[in-house]
Structures are given as structure tokens and as C-alpha cells.
C-alpha atoms as a PDB file:
ATOM      1  CA  MET A   1       0.000   0.000   0.000  1.00  0.00           C
ATOM      2  CA  ASN A   2       1.385   3.397  -1.004  1.00  0.00           C
ATOM      3  CA  GLN A   3       0.209   6.969  -0.371  1.00  0.00           C
ATOM      4  CA  ALA A   4      -2.275   6.790  -3.249  1.00  0.00           C
ATOM      5  CA  GLU A   5      -3.859   3.669  -1.720  1.00  0.00           C
ATOM      6  CA  ILE A   6      -4.425   5.219   1.717  1.00  0.00           C
ATOM      7  CA  HIS A   7      -7.791   6.590   0.564  1.00  0.00           C
ATOM      8  CA  ASP A   8      -9.097   3.091  -0.253  1.00  0.00           C
ATOM      9  CA  PHE A   9      -7.747   1.834   3.068  1.00  0.00           C
ATOM     10  CA  LEU A  10      -9.691   4.586   4.897  1.00  0.00           C
ATOM     11  CA  VAL A  11     -12.904   3.790   3.032  1.00  0.00           C
ATOM     12  CA  GLN A  12     -12.630   0.103   3.908  1.00  0.00           C
ATOM     13  CA  PHE A  13     -11.619   0.829   7.507  1.00  0.00           C
ATOM     14  CA  PHE A  14     -14.618   3.046   8.287  1.00  0.00           C
ATOM     15  CA  TYR A  15     -17.134   1.129   6.163  1.00  0.00           C
ATOM     16  CA  LYS A  16     -16.359  -2.141   7.951  1.00  0.00           C
ATOM     17  CA  ARG A  17     -16.842  -0.398  11.320  1.00  0.00           C
ATOM     18  CA  ASN A  18     -20.265   1.009  10.374  1.00  0.00           C
ATOM     19  CA  ALA A  19     -19.231   4.660  10.152  1.00  0.00           C
ATOM     20  CA  THR A  20     -21.315   6.775   7.736  1.00  0.00           C
ATOM     21  CA  ILE A  21     -19.499   7.850   4.583  1.00  0.00           C
ATOM     22  CA  GLU A  22     -20.695  11.449   4.111  1.00  0.00           C
ATOM     23  CA  TYR A  23     -18.377  12.419   1.248  1.00  0.00           C
ATOM     24  CA  ASN A  24     -16.065  10.292  -0.852  1.00  0.00           C
ATOM     25  CA  GLU A  25     -13.822  11.715  -3.537  1.00  0.00           C
ATOM     26  CA  GLN A  26     -10.391  10.312  -4.358  1.00  0.00           C
ATOM     27  CA  GLY A  27      -8.052  11.849  -1.799  1.00  0.00           C
ATOM     28  CA  ILE A  28     -10.854  13.307   0.358  1.00  0.00           C
ATOM     29  CA  LEU A  29     -13.069  11.292   2.691  1.00  0.00           C
ATOM     30  CA  LYS A  30     -15.578  12.651   5.213  1.00  0.00           C
ATOM     31  CA  VAL A  31     -17.021  10.181   7.715  1.00  0.00           C
ATOM     32  CA  LYS A  32     -19.508  10.370  10.557  1.00  0.00           C
ATOM     33  CA  LEU A  33     -17.988   8.234  13.295  1.00  0.00           C
ATOM     34  CA  THR A  34     -19.834   5.734  15.407  1.00  0.00           C
ATOM     35  CA  GLU A  35     -19.844   6.273  19.153  1.00  0.00           C
ATOM     36  CA  GLU A  36     -17.241   3.527  19.581  1.00  0.00           C
ATOM     37  CA  LEU A  37     -14.922   5.023  16.953  1.00  0.00           C
ATOM     38  CA  ASP A  38     -15.305   8.514  18.406  1.00  0.00           C
ATOM     39  CA  GLN A  39     -14.277   7.238  21.834  1.00  0.00           C
ATOM     40  CA  ARG A  40     -11.301   5.359  20.416  1.00  0.00           C
ATOM     41  CA  LEU A  41     -10.039   8.010  17.999  1.00  0.00           C
ATOM     42  CA  MET A  42     -11.069  11.526  19.044  1.00  0.00           C
ATOM     43  CA  ASN A  43      -9.765  11.794  22.618  1.00  0.00           C
ATOM     44  CA  ARG A  44     -12.981  13.185  24.171  1.00  0.00           C
ATOM     45  CA  PRO A  45     -13.270  11.150  27.403  1.00  0.00           C
ATOM     46  CA  PHE A  46     -14.842  13.977  29.427  1.00  0.00           C
ATOM     47  CA  TYR A  47     -17.522  14.576  26.799  1.00  0.00           C
ATOM     48  CA  TRP A  48     -18.587  10.931  26.807  1.00  0.00           C
ATOM     49  CA  GLN A  49     -18.466  10.722  30.607  1.00  0.00           C
ATOM     50  CA  TYR A  50     -20.691  13.817  30.778  1.00  0.00           C
ATOM     51  CA  VAL A  51     -23.365  12.668  28.311  1.00  0.00           C
ATOM     52  CA  LYS A  52     -23.527   9.186  29.807  1.00  0.00           C
ATOM     53  CA  LYS A  53     -23.820  10.580  33.315  1.00  0.00           C
ATOM     54  CA  LEU A  54     -26.781  12.690  32.185  1.00  0.00           C
ATOM     55  CA  GLY A  55     -28.289   9.819  30.247  1.00  0.00           C
ATOM     56  CA  TYR A  56     -28.037  11.635  26.933  1.00  0.00           C
ATOM     57  CA  LYS A  57     -27.221  10.125  23.572  1.00  0.00           C
ATOM     58  CA  GLY A  58     -23.837  11.398  22.476  1.00  0.00           C
ATOM     59  CA  ASP A  59     -23.135  13.000  19.118  1.00  0.00           C
ATOM     60  CA  PRO A  60     -20.104  11.398  17.413  1.00  0.00           C
ATOM     61  CA  MET A  61     -17.926  13.723  15.375  1.00  0.00           C
ATOM     62  CA  SER A  62     -17.604  13.966  11.609  1.00  0.00           C
ATOM     63  CA  VAL A  63     -14.012  13.968  10.343  1.00  0.00           C
ATOM     64  CA  THR A  64     -12.593  14.788   6.915  1.00  0.00           C
ATOM     65  CA  PHE A  65      -9.384  13.028   5.905  1.00  0.00           C
ATOM     66  CA  ILE A  66      -7.113  14.313   3.137  1.00  0.00           C
ATOM     67  CA  SER A  67      -4.804  11.704   1.595  1.00  0.00           C
ATOM     68  CA  ASP A  68      -3.946  13.403  -1.713  1.00  0.00           C
ATOM     69  CA  GLU A  69      -1.001  15.799  -1.377  1.00  0.00           C
ATOM     70  CA  ASN A  70      -2.421  17.976  -4.158  1.00  0.00           C
ATOM     71  CA  LYS A  71      -5.534  18.566  -2.031  1.00  0.00           C
ATOM     72  CA  LYS A  72      -3.811  19.468   1.256  1.00  0.00           C
ATOM     73  CA  ALA A  73      -5.254  22.994   0.991  1.00  0.00           C
ATOM     74  CA  GLU A  74      -8.764  21.552   1.430  1.00  0.00           C
ATOM     75  CA  LYS A  75     -10.305  21.669   4.879  1.00  0.00           C
ATOM     76  CA  GLY A  76      -9.553  18.436   6.673  1.00  0.00           C
ATOM     77  CA  GLU A  77      -6.928  16.309   8.395  1.00  0.00           C
ATOM     78  CA  TRP A  78      -3.857  15.420   6.302  1.00  0.00           C
ATOM     79  CA  ILE A  79      -3.134  11.722   6.723  1.00  0.00           C
ATOM     80  CA  HIS A  80      -0.022   9.987   5.418  1.00  0.00           C
ATOM     81  CA  TYR A  81       2.504   7.271   6.259  1.00  0.00           C
ATOM     82  CA  GLY A  82       4.086   8.097   9.593  1.00  0.00           C
ATOM     83  CA  SER A  83       1.227  10.361  10.690  1.00  0.00           C
ATOM     84  CA  PRO A  84      -0.109   9.710  14.216  1.00  0.00           C
ATOM     85  CA  ARG A  85      -3.646   9.241  12.895  1.00  0.00           C
ATOM     86  CA  LEU A  86      -2.694   6.445  10.492  1.00  0.00           C
ATOM     87  CA  GLU A  87      -0.675   4.787  13.253  1.00  0.00           C
ATOM     88  CA  GLN A  88      -3.804   5.044  15.421  1.00  0.00           C
ATOM     89  CA  LEU A  89      -5.941   3.298  12.790  1.00  0.00           C
ATOM     90  CA  PHE A  90      -3.374   0.521  12.437  1.00  0.00           C
ATOM     91  CA  GLN A  91      -3.426   0.146  16.222  1.00  0.00           C
ATOM     92  CA  VAL A  92      -7.234  -0.196  16.194  1.00  0.00           C
ATOM     93  CA  ILE A  93      -6.908  -3.038  13.683  1.00  0.00           C
ATOM     94  CA  PHE A  94      -4.221  -4.629  15.833  1.00  0.00           C
ATOM     95  CA  GLU A  95      -6.324  -4.382  19.001  1.00  0.00           C
ATOM     96  CA  GLU A  96      -9.423  -5.809  17.313  1.00  0.00           C
ATOM     97  CA  GLY A  97      -7.748  -9.082  16.633  1.00  0.00           C
ATOM     98  CA  LYS A  98      -4.197 -10.178  16.144  1.00  0.00           C
ATOM     99  CA  TYR A  99      -5.292 -13.580  14.856  1.00  0.00           C
ATOM    100  CA  THR A 100      -8.344 -14.710  12.933  1.00  0.00           C
ATOM    101  CA  GLU A 101      -9.648 -17.724  11.028  1.00  0.00           C
ATOM    102  CA  LEU A 102     -11.904 -17.052   8.040  1.00  0.00           C
ATOM    103  CA  TYR A 103     -13.638 -19.114   5.371  1.00  0.00           C
ATOM    104  CA  GLU A 104     -14.435 -18.131   1.810  1.00  0.00           C
ATOM    105  CA  GLN A 105     -18.165 -18.227   1.167  1.00  0.00           C
ATOM    106  CA  ASN A 106     -19.340 -20.954  -1.185  1.00  0.00           C
ATOM    107  CA  PRO A 107     -21.736 -19.779  -3.922  1.00  0.00           C
ATOM    108  CA  SER A 108     -21.904 -23.312  -5.316  1.00  0.00           C
ATOM    109  CA  GLN A 109     -24.366 -25.913  -4.145  1.00  0.00           C
ATOM    110  CA  ASP A 110     -21.745 -28.628  -4.532  1.00  0.00           C
ATOM    111  CA  ARG A 111     -19.633 -30.037  -1.760  1.00  0.00           C
ATOM    112  CA  GLN A 112     -16.105 -28.670  -2.038  1.00  0.00           C
ATOM    113  CA  PRO A 113     -12.860 -28.402  -0.077  1.00  0.00           C
ATOM    114  CA  LEU A 114     -11.388 -25.213   1.333  1.00  0.00           C
ATOM    115  CA  HIS A 115      -7.593 -24.924   1.228  1.00  0.00           C
ATOM    116  CA  PRO A 116      -5.518 -23.347   4.027  1.00  0.00           C
ATOM    117  CA  TRP A 117      -3.480 -20.149   3.527  1.00  0.00           C
ATOM    118  CA  PHE A 118      -1.604 -18.494   6.368  1.00  0.00           C
ATOM    119  CA  VAL A 119      -1.812 -14.712   5.859  1.00  0.00           C
ATOM    120  CA  CYS A 120       0.401 -12.244   7.686  1.00  0.00           C
ATOM    121  CA  ASN A 121       0.134  -8.427   7.537  1.00  0.00           C
ATOM    122  CA  LEU A 122       3.186  -6.507   8.695  1.00  0.00           C
ATOM    123  CA  MET A 123       4.406  -2.930   8.940  1.00  0.00           C
ATOM    124  CA  VAL A 124       7.972  -2.261   7.799  1.00  0.00           C
ATOM    125  CA  ARG A 125       9.388   1.076   8.978  1.00  0.00           C
ATOM    126  CA  TYR A 126      12.552   2.472   7.395  1.00  0.00           C
ATOM    127  CA  GLN A 127      13.985   5.150   9.668  1.00  0.00           C
ATOM    128  CA  GLY A 128      17.100   7.225   8.992  1.00  0.00           C
ATOM    129  CA  ALA A 129      17.625  10.130   6.590  1.00  0.00           C
ATOM    130  CA  TYR A 130      13.854   9.931   6.182  1.00  0.00           C
ATOM    131  CA  THR A 131      11.073   7.774   7.584  1.00  0.00           C
ATOM    132  CA  HIS A 132       9.050   5.519   5.334  1.00  0.00           C
ATOM    133  CA  ASP A 133       6.366   3.015   6.354  1.00  0.00           C
ATOM    134  CA  GLU A 134       5.342   0.147   4.153  1.00  0.00           C
ATOM    135  CA  MET A 135       2.504  -2.318   4.670  1.00  0.00           C
ATOM    136  CA  VAL A 136       3.379  -5.854   3.584  1.00  0.00           C
ATOM    137  CA  SER A 137       0.782  -8.582   3.189  1.00  0.00           C
ATOM    138  CA  VAL A 138       1.991 -12.098   2.451  1.00  0.00           C
ATOM    139  CA  GLY A 139       0.306 -15.464   2.324  1.00  0.00           C
ATOM    140  CA  VAL A 140       1.712 -18.986   2.430  1.00  0.00           C
ATOM    141  CA  TYR A 141      -0.211 -21.899   0.943  1.00  0.00           C
ATOM    142  CA  LEU A 142       0.008 -24.506   3.686  1.00  0.00           C
ATOM    143  CA  ILE A 143      -0.104 -27.410   1.240  1.00  0.00           C
ATOM    144  CA  ASN A 144       3.000 -26.784  -0.886  1.00  0.00           C
ATOM    145  CA  GLY A 145       4.587 -23.592   0.515  1.00  0.00           C
ATOM    146  CA  THR A 146       3.685 -21.242  -2.357  1.00  0.00           C
ATOM    147  CA  MET A 147       4.143 -17.653  -1.166  1.00  0.00           C
ATOM    148  CA  ARG A 148       2.052 -14.710  -2.389  1.00  0.00           C
ATOM    149  CA  PHE A 149       2.766 -11.041  -1.671  1.00  0.00           C
ATOM    150  CA  LYS A 150       0.002  -8.389  -1.718  1.00  0.00           C
ATOM    151  CA  MET A 151      -2.237 -11.171  -0.435  1.00  0.00           C
ATOM    152  CA  MET A 152      -4.866  -8.923   1.170  1.00  0.00           C
ATOM    153  CA  ASP A 153      -5.235  -6.955  -2.067  1.00  0.00           C
ATOM    154  CA  GLU A 154      -6.349 -10.198  -3.692  1.00  0.00           C
ATOM    155  CA  LEU A 155      -8.757 -11.131  -0.885  1.00  0.00           C
ATOM    156  CA  LEU A 156     -10.095  -7.722   0.147  1.00  0.00           C
ATOM    157  CA  ASP A 157     -13.278  -7.781  -1.926  1.00  0.00           C
ATOM    158  CA  GLU A 158     -14.024 -11.481  -1.501  1.00  0.00           C
ATOM    159  CA  PRO A 159     -16.753 -12.720   0.869  1.00  0.00           C
ATOM    160  CA  PHE A 160     -15.388 -14.375   4.010  1.00  0.00           C
ATOM    161  CA  SER A 161     -17.054 -15.565   7.194  1.00  0.00           C
ATOM    162  CA  LYS A 162     -15.925 -16.829  10.576  1.00  0.00           C
ATOM    163  CA  ILE A 163     -18.248 -19.819  10.092  1.00  0.00           C
ATOM    164  CA  ILE A 164     -17.414 -22.558   7.613  1.00  0.00           C
ATOM    165  CA  PRO A 165     -20.078 -22.614   4.866  1.00  0.00           C
ATOM    166  CA  ASP A 166     -22.438 -25.533   4.382  1.00  0.00           C
ATOM    167  CA  LEU A 167     -21.180 -28.283   2.067  1.00  0.00           C
ATOM    168  CA  CYS A 168     -17.573 -27.191   2.609  1.00  0.00           C
ATOM    169  CA  TYR A 169     -14.816 -28.989   4.464  1.00  0.00           C
ATOM    170  CA  LYS A 170     -11.268 -28.033   5.440  1.00  0.00           C
ATOM    171  CA  ILE A 171      -8.172 -29.538   3.865  1.00  0.00           C
ATOM    172  CA  PRO A 172      -5.699 -30.129   6.732  1.00  0.00           C
ATOM    173  CA  PRO A 173      -2.410 -28.205   6.414  1.00  0.00           C
ATOM    174  CA  ILE A 174       0.779 -30.031   5.488  1.00  0.00           C
ATOM    175  CA  ILE A 175       2.987 -27.080   6.480  1.00  0.00           C
ATOM    176  CA  SER A 176       2.618 -25.790  10.046  1.00  0.00           C
ATOM    177  CA  THR A 177       1.910 -22.131  10.773  1.00  0.00           C
ATOM    178  CA  LYS A 178       5.216 -22.046  12.705  1.00  0.00           C
ATOM    179  CA  ARG A 179       7.058 -23.114   9.554  1.00  0.00           C
ATOM    180  CA  ALA A 180       5.088 -20.553   7.509  1.00  0.00           C
ATOM    181  CA  VAL A 181       6.130 -17.780   9.918  1.00  0.00           C
ATOM    182  CA  MET A 182       9.784 -18.811   9.494  1.00  0.00           C
ATOM    183  CA  MET A 183       9.413 -18.756   5.696  1.00  0.00           C
ATOM    184  CA  ILE A 184       7.789 -15.307   5.735  1.00  0.00           C
ATOM    185  CA  ASN A 185      10.369 -13.916   8.142  1.00  0.00           C
ATOM    186  CA  HIS A 186      13.260 -15.165   5.975  1.00  0.00           C
ATOM    187  CA  GLU A 187      11.782 -13.850   2.716  1.00  0.00           C
ATOM    188  CA  ILE A 188      10.885 -10.421   4.118  1.00  0.00           C
ATOM    189  CA  ASN A 189      14.301  -9.977   5.694  1.00  0.00           C
ATOM    190  CA  GLU A 190      15.978 -10.824   2.375  1.00  0.00           C
ATOM    191  CA  ARG A 191      13.771  -8.292   0.581  1.00  0.00           C
ATOM    192  CA  ILE A 192      14.482  -5.640   3.224  1.00  0.00           C
ATOM    193  CA  LYS A 193      18.244  -6.171   2.768  1.00  0.00           C
ATOM    194  CA  GLN A 194      17.933  -5.619  -0.971  1.00  0.00           C
ATOM    195  CA  LYS A 195      15.573  -2.658  -0.711  1.00  0.00           C
ATOM    196  CA  SER A 196      17.305  -0.875   2.162  1.00  0.00           C
ATOM    197  CA  SER A 197      20.870  -0.827   0.806  1.00  0.00           C
ATOM    198  CA  ALA A 198      20.574   2.558  -0.965  1.00  0.00           C
ATOM    199  CA  PHE A 199      18.543   3.959   1.932  1.00  0.00           C
ATOM    200  CA  ALA A 200      21.172   2.775   4.459  1.00  0.00           C
ATOM    201  CA  GLU A 201      24.046   4.249   2.470  1.00  0.00           C
ATOM    202  CA  GLN A 202      22.297   7.613   2.140  1.00  0.00           C
ATOM    203  CA  SER A 203      21.437   7.685   5.850  1.00  0.00           C
ATOM    204  CA  LYS A 204      24.954   6.705   6.940  1.00  0.00           C
ATOM    205  CA  GLU A 205      26.483   9.404   4.728  1.00  0.00           C
ATOM    206  CA  ILE A 206      24.325  12.116   6.300  1.00  0.00           C
ATOM    207  CA  TYR A 207      24.904  10.631   9.759  1.00  0.00           C
ATOM    208  CA  GLN A 208      28.697  10.725   9.298  1.00  0.00           C
ATOM    209  CA  LYS A 209      28.610  14.333   8.097  1.00  0.00           C
ATOM    210  CA  GLU A 210      26.643  15.476  11.147  1.00  0.00           C
ATOM    211  CA  MET A 211      28.953  13.529  13.473  1.00  0.00           C
ATOM    212  CA  GLU A 212      32.003  15.151  11.879  1.00  0.00           C
ATOM    213  CA  MET A 213      30.457  18.605  12.250  1.00  0.00           C
ATOM    214  CA  THR A 214      29.757  17.861  15.923  1.00  0.00           C
ATOM    215  CA  ASN A 215      33.358  16.709  16.479  1.00  0.00           C
ATOM    216  CA  GLN A 216      34.661  19.890  14.869  1.00  0.00           C
ATOM    217  CA  LEU A 217      32.369  22.003  16.990  1.00  0.00           C
ATOM    218  CA  PHE A 218      33.635  20.441  20.235  1.00  0.00           C
ATOM    219  CA  GLU A 219      37.244  19.950  19.109  1.00  0.00           C
ATOM    220  CA  ASN A 220      38.686  22.621  21.373  1.00  0.00           C
ATOM    221  CA  ARG A 221      36.385  22.004  24.337  1.00  0.00           C
ATOM    222  CA  ALA A 222      37.892  19.899  27.098  1.00  0.00           C
ATOM    223  CA  GLN A 223      35.483  20.703  29.890  1.00  0.00           C
ATOM    224  CA  GLU A 224      33.439  17.893  31.399  1.00  0.00           C
ATOM    225  CA  ASP A 225      30.190  19.733  30.681  1.00  0.00           C
ATOM    226  CA  GLY A 226      31.233  20.018  27.054  1.00  0.00           C
ATOM    227  CA  GLU A 227      31.843  16.276  26.836  1.00  0.00           C
ATOM    228  CA  LEU A 228      28.435  15.517  28.314  1.00  0.00           C
ATOM    229  CA  LEU A 229      26.763  17.899  25.878  1.00  0.00           C
ATOM    230  CA  LYS A 230      28.683  16.336  22.973  1.00  0.00           C
ATOM    231  CA  ASP A 231      27.634  12.825  24.018  1.00  0.00           C
ATOM    232  CA  ASN A 232      24.017  13.940  24.219  1.00  0.00           C
ATOM    233  CA  ILE A 233      24.109  15.547  20.771  1.00  0.00           C
ATOM    234  CA  GLU A 234      25.782  12.483  19.250  1.00  0.00           C
ATOM    235  CA  LYS A 235      23.094  10.238  20.735  1.00  0.00           C
ATOM    236  CA  GLN A 236      20.366  12.451  19.236  1.00  0.00           C
ATOM    237  CA  ILE A 237      22.074  12.340  15.847  1.00  0.00           C
ATOM    238  CA  TYR A 238      22.329   8.539  16.075  1.00  0.00           C
ATOM    239  CA  ASP A 239      18.654   8.150  17.032  1.00  0.00           C
ATOM    240  CA  ARG A 240      17.559  10.469  14.244  1.00  0.00           C
ATOM    241  CA  LEU A 241      19.774   9.502  11.317  1.00  0.00           C
ATOM    242  CA  TYR A 242      21.430   6.109  11.738  1.00  0.00           C
ATOM    243  CA  PRO A 243      19.527   3.673   9.473  1.00  0.00           C
ATOM    244  CA  LYS A 244      17.157   1.298  11.217  1.00  0.00           C
ATOM    245  CA  VAL A 245      14.453  -1.018   9.939  1.00  0.00           C
ATOM    246  CA  GLN A 246      11.645  -2.111  12.244  1.00  0.00           C
ATOM    247  CA  LEU A 247       9.272  -4.972  11.478  1.00  0.00           C
ATOM    248  CA  LYS A 248       5.944  -4.995  13.326  1.00  0.00           C
ATOM    249  CA  LEU A 249       3.154  -7.557  13.112  1.00  0.00           C
ATOM    250  CA  VAL A 250      -0.252  -5.994  12.418  1.00  0.00           C
ATOM    251  CA  ASN A 251      -2.312  -9.190  12.326  1.00  0.00           C
ATOM    252  CA  CYS A 252      -2.370 -12.682  10.905  1.00  0.00           C
ATOM    253  CA  GLY A 253      -4.653 -15.633  10.436  1.00  0.00           C
ATOM    254  CA  LEU A 254      -5.756 -18.718   8.535  1.00  0.00           C
ATOM    255  CA  PHE A 255      -7.812 -18.138   5.398  1.00  0.00           C
ATOM    256  CA  TYR A 256      -9.564 -21.186   4.000  1.00  0.00           C
ATOM    257  CA  ILE A 257     -10.005 -20.608   0.268  1.00  0.00           C
ATOM    258  CA  THR A 258     -11.657 -22.594  -2.511  1.00  0.00           C
ATOM    259  CA  GLU A 259      -9.486 -24.855  -4.601  1.00  0.00           C
ATOM    260  CA  THR A 260     -10.178 -22.801  -7.748  1.00  0.00           C
ATOM    261  CA  ARG A 261      -9.048 -19.539  -6.159  1.00  0.00           C
ATOM    262  CA  SER A 262      -5.999 -21.211  -4.611  1.00  0.00           C
ATOM    263  CA  LYS A 263      -4.912 -22.521  -8.004  1.00  0.00           C
ATOM    264  CA  ASN A 264      -5.430 -19.115  -9.587  1.00  0.00           C
ATOM    265  CA  MET A 265      -3.285 -17.432  -6.949  1.00  0.00           C
ATOM    266  CA  MET A 266      -0.497 -19.982  -7.389  1.00  0.00           C
ATOM    267  CA  ASN A 267      -0.488 -19.292 -11.136  1.00  0.00           C
ATOM    268  CA  ILE A 268      -0.186 -15.500 -10.729  1.00  0.00           C
ATOM    269  CA  THR A 269       3.362 -14.324 -11.377  1.00  0.00           C
END
């Protein structure tokens, strides 16, 4: 998911949580929150305590989100990778359920098997000369180990339920979820190494320049206070610029998918 896809993420996020979509144009989304979402997102604890104490029905807020940089002048809240609000929405997803088990709905009247895929959604944060967040969704077919990236993009619009449909039965996994996690972890780390090399070099170059400037600045200072100040500045420079990559689990689960769809996904290059 990139910046241009944040809008679709917002639409899906609020639609699935029963918020009212009041205005929807690419890059601009206005939603009327539910009471639950208002309490979780808008930081109005005293308001909700007050209305509940009086027995009133509260009035959730309407919020406009701007995700298109060309429309930042519009009235609303600018939301982007790294913004506190987007982090907050990811946290809501995380809190709602770290693990799930879902079954594809069966439109056919015939008895058919459902095949197991382990799906893992992760946040990769590149931090150094700049900060960049990237959502990664990957699935492992637990029969033969086929791995699919952008897995949730392929499943997002498909009907799933927490209850196995009538006339369907589960194919038992051959590969354990523990093994699938190891496979995902290895593949993502290899991809991060390849992708982060230029980013790491750029960050280290800027980091070294700032460290050299700091050393020059304190070159002729021998006082103890000066050394403490220098150490503090160097630590801040390290925290801010030295390249780091953080990998954070958003959620994961078992998706049982029809044999036809499983075959189609294995054939996608």
C-alpha cells in the first residue's frame, strides 16, 4: 500500500466499522464516526463521561481526511505514512484481533474443499535520513509452501465468514503455521536487505557528516560539561539519522479458500 492507496484503506476501515461515509472523492473522505470510533479516535473522554452521566445520547464527530497531497489545501486532516492518525488506525486493527480464522463463502451448491493459507500483515518502517512506512501482506499456501505477496489486495473484496459454509470442508495443512512464519520472516528480511541498501548508504552518509560537524564544533572544548553535551548531541544524531528497519506484526490468520481460487493465486506471477 502506497500513499495513493491510503484513501481506499480509509474507506474500507470506516465502512467495515459502520461509520457513515458522508463524502467520498479520491483523496478526500468525510465520515460520521460511530460512538465507539469517536471514543477510540477523538480523545474526548470527558464529553462521553458527561453525556452518559446525564443519560443523553452522544453525538459522534464527523471527520474529513485528506490523503492526496495535491488537495492538502482543502479543509480536513492530512493523513499519510508516519502520521499519528494512520498509526492510530493501524493500532485499532491490531487491538481488534491479532489472529483470525476465516472461510471463503461458497456460492456453489456442490460439496467442495477449502484450502488453508496463512496470511500475515506486517508494517515495515525504514527510519534514517527519512522515515518511510510500508505495509506488507503475504500469504503462504500450507499445502505446498507457495508464497504470495500483496495477499490482502487479492482477498479484500471477496466474501469471508468466521463460520465454515455448508457443504464445505477443510483440507488439513501439510505445512505448520510455525514453519510458515519462518518462511515469511526469511523472505521479508531478504527483501528488506535488498531494498534498504541505498537507503542505508544515504542515511549513513548524512549521519557521518553530522557527526564530523559535531566533532569539529567540540574539538577545542575539554570541559566535562562540554563532553556531556557532545555525548548527548551524538546520541540524538544517532537516534535520528542512523539507518534502522523495524518490522511490526499488524495481524495474521488462517484463510480457507476454494481450490479454484488457490490454483489461480499460485499461477499468478
